[in-house]
Amino acid sequence: MKDVWVFNGVGGKFPSAIFDEQADAEKWIKKNSLTGVLTRYPVGVSVYDWAIENNHFFVGHAGQKSSDFIQKFSSAAQEHIHFENGSSD
């Protein structure tokens, strides 16, 4: 499955960058001393559907099938890296 790396800076409402390669994303984050989270996202499938298909999430009740729930869904099972001032240490 194709994936991309999405960077969300602290305080931002929307992603500030999307990369094909993790190394390119980390280089850009370090170069600019950024603080936020770099997360791997699957392409062509929602995180909600990806999490269900990969047994990371199980729908427990009807409310978890609602559009409101799905549009806000994120998964801790996604690979992600926290950065502070460009460092992930």
C-alpha atoms as a PDB file:
ATOM      1  CA  MET A   1       0.000   0.000   0.000  1.00  0.00           C
ATOM      2  CA  LYS A   2       1.288   3.455  -0.856  1.00  0.00           C
ATOM      3  CA  ASP A   3       1.718   5.862   2.015  1.00  0.00           C
ATOM      4  CA  VAL A   4       2.791   9.432   2.686  1.00  0.00           C
ATOM      5  CA  TRP A   5       4.249  11.283   5.667  1.00  0.00           C
ATOM      6  CA  VAL A   6       2.185  14.224   6.928  1.00  0.00           C
ATOM      7  CA  PHE A   7       3.575  16.907   9.232  1.00  0.00           C
ATOM      8  CA  ASN A   8       1.232  18.753  11.604  1.00  0.00           C
ATOM      9  CA  GLY A   9       2.888  21.589  13.476  1.00  0.00           C
ATOM     10  CA  VAL A  10       1.873  22.491  17.009  1.00  0.00           C
ATOM     11  CA  GLY A  11      -1.084  24.876  16.932  1.00  0.00           C
ATOM     12  CA  GLY A  12      -1.781  24.343  13.236  1.00  0.00           C
ATOM     13  CA  LYS A  13      -5.261  23.451  12.059  1.00  0.00           C
ATOM     14  CA  PHE A  14      -4.044  21.820   8.852  1.00  0.00           C
ATOM     15  CA  PRO A  15      -0.953  19.870   7.776  1.00  0.00           C
ATOM     16  CA  SER A  16       1.947  22.058   6.711  1.00  0.00           C
ATOM     17  CA  ALA A  17       3.689  19.467   4.532  1.00  0.00           C
ATOM     18  CA  ILE A  18       3.253  16.047   2.940  1.00  0.00           C
ATOM     19  CA  PHE A  19       6.185  13.912   1.806  1.00  0.00           C
ATOM     20  CA  ASP A  20       6.631  10.642  -0.089  1.00  0.00           C
ATOM     21  CA  GLU A  21       9.722   9.768   1.931  1.00  0.00           C
ATOM     22  CA  GLN A  22      10.191   9.869   5.698  1.00  0.00           C
ATOM     23  CA  ALA A  23      13.836  10.948   5.336  1.00  0.00           C
ATOM     24  CA  ASP A  24      12.857  14.002   3.266  1.00  0.00           C
ATOM     25  CA  ALA A  25      10.261  14.989   5.870  1.00  0.00           C
ATOM     26  CA  GLU A  26      12.720  14.652   8.747  1.00  0.00           C
ATOM     27  CA  LYS A  27      15.347  16.668   6.880  1.00  0.00           C
ATOM     28  CA  TRP A  28      12.839  19.509   6.320  1.00  0.00           C
ATOM     29  CA  ILE A  29      11.646  19.409   9.955  1.00  0.00           C
ATOM     30  CA  LYS A  30      15.208  19.528  11.301  1.00  0.00           C
ATOM     31  CA  LYS A  31      16.276  22.267   8.848  1.00  0.00           C
ATOM     32  CA  ASN A  32      13.435  24.491  10.060  1.00  0.00           C
ATOM     33  CA  SER A  33      13.572  23.519  13.779  1.00  0.00           C
ATOM     34  CA  LEU A  34       9.894  22.575  13.759  1.00  0.00           C
ATOM     35  CA  THR A  35       7.727  21.243  16.572  1.00  0.00           C
ATOM     36  CA  GLY A  36       4.878  18.862  15.850  1.00  0.00           C
ATOM     37  CA  VAL A  37       4.080  15.331  14.738  1.00  0.00           C
ATOM     38  CA  LEU A  38       5.078  13.475  11.581  1.00  0.00           C
ATOM     39  CA  THR A  39       2.559  10.715  10.811  1.00  0.00           C
ATOM     40  CA  ARG A  40       2.453   7.994   8.178  1.00  0.00           C
ATOM     41  CA  TYR A  41      -0.890   7.932   6.305  1.00  0.00           C
ATOM     42  CA  PRO A  42      -2.156   5.328   3.859  1.00  0.00           C
ATOM     43  CA  VAL A  43      -3.071   6.655   0.410  1.00  0.00           C
ATOM     44  CA  GLY A  44      -6.395   5.756  -1.156  1.00  0.00           C
ATOM     45  CA  VAL A  45      -8.067   4.621   2.050  1.00  0.00           C
ATOM     46  CA  SER A  46      -9.346   6.468   5.089  1.00  0.00           C
ATOM     47  CA  VAL A  47      -7.570   6.007   8.414  1.00  0.00           C
ATOM     48  CA  TYR A  48     -10.883   4.729   9.792  1.00  0.00           C
ATOM     49  CA  ASP A  49     -11.124   1.973   7.159  1.00  0.00           C
ATOM     50  CA  TRP A  50      -7.375   1.224   7.392  1.00  0.00           C
ATOM     51  CA  ALA A  51      -7.606   0.776  11.166  1.00  0.00           C
ATOM     52  CA  ILE A  52     -10.578  -1.590  10.853  1.00  0.00           C
ATOM     53  CA  GLU A  53      -8.965  -3.599   8.018  1.00  0.00           C
ATOM     54  CA  ASN A  54      -5.748  -3.983  10.038  1.00  0.00           C
ATOM     55  CA  ASN A  55      -7.506  -4.899  13.314  1.00  0.00           C
ATOM     56  CA  HIS A  56      -6.419  -1.708  15.080  1.00  0.00           C
ATOM     57  CA  PHE A  57     -10.001  -0.620  15.700  1.00  0.00           C
ATOM     58  CA  PHE A  58     -13.254  -2.491  16.237  1.00  0.00           C
ATOM     59  CA  VAL A  59     -16.610  -0.738  15.888  1.00  0.00           C
ATOM     60  CA  GLY A  60     -18.269  -1.133  19.278  1.00  0.00           C
ATOM     61  CA  HIS A  61     -21.572   0.688  18.792  1.00  0.00           C
ATOM     62  CA  ALA A  62     -23.628   2.500  16.159  1.00  0.00           C
ATOM     63  CA  GLY A  63     -22.199   5.895  17.133  1.00  0.00           C
ATOM     64  CA  GLN A  64     -18.817   4.729  15.896  1.00  0.00           C
ATOM     65  CA  LYS A  65     -20.283   4.402  12.393  1.00  0.00           C
ATOM     66  CA  SER A  66     -21.579   7.976  12.292  1.00  0.00           C
ATOM     67  CA  SER A  67     -20.202  10.560   9.892  1.00  0.00           C
ATOM     68  CA  ASP A  68     -19.263  12.788  12.839  1.00  0.00           C
ATOM     69  CA  PHE A  69     -17.163  10.011  14.386  1.00  0.00           C
ATOM     70  CA  ILE A  70     -15.527   8.937  11.093  1.00  0.00           C
ATOM     71  CA  GLN A  71     -14.577  12.493  10.027  1.00  0.00           C
ATOM     72  CA  LYS A  72     -12.689  13.038  13.303  1.00  0.00           C
ATOM     73  CA  PHE A  73     -11.117   9.584  13.514  1.00  0.00           C
ATOM     74  CA  SER A  74      -7.393   9.101  13.997  1.00  0.00           C
ATOM     75  CA  SER A  75      -5.434   6.070  15.099  1.00  0.00           C
ATOM     76  CA  ALA A  76      -2.560   5.748  17.545  1.00  0.00           C
ATOM     77  CA  ALA A  77      -1.603   2.642  15.540  1.00  0.00           C
ATOM     78  CA  GLN A  78      -0.321   4.844  12.729  1.00  0.00           C
ATOM     79  CA  GLU A  79       3.429   5.215  12.757  1.00  0.00           C
ATOM     80  CA  HIS A  80       4.245   8.693  14.072  1.00  0.00           C
ATOM     81  CA  ILE A  81       7.198  10.674  15.399  1.00  0.00           C
ATOM     82  CA  HIS A  82       7.085  13.671  17.746  1.00  0.00           C
ATOM     83  CA  PHE A  83       9.477  16.554  17.089  1.00  0.00           C
ATOM     84  CA  GLU A  84      10.469  19.459  19.275  1.00  0.00           C
ATOM     85  CA  ASN A  85      12.559  22.247  17.743  1.00  0.00           C
ATOM     86  CA  GLY A  86      13.535  19.895  14.917  1.00  0.00           C
ATOM     87  CA  SER A  87      14.632  17.027  17.139  1.00  0.00           C
ATOM     88  CA  SER A  88      12.888  13.696  17.669  1.00  0.00           C
ATOM     89  CA  ASP A  89      15.110  12.708  20.615  1.00  0.00           C
END
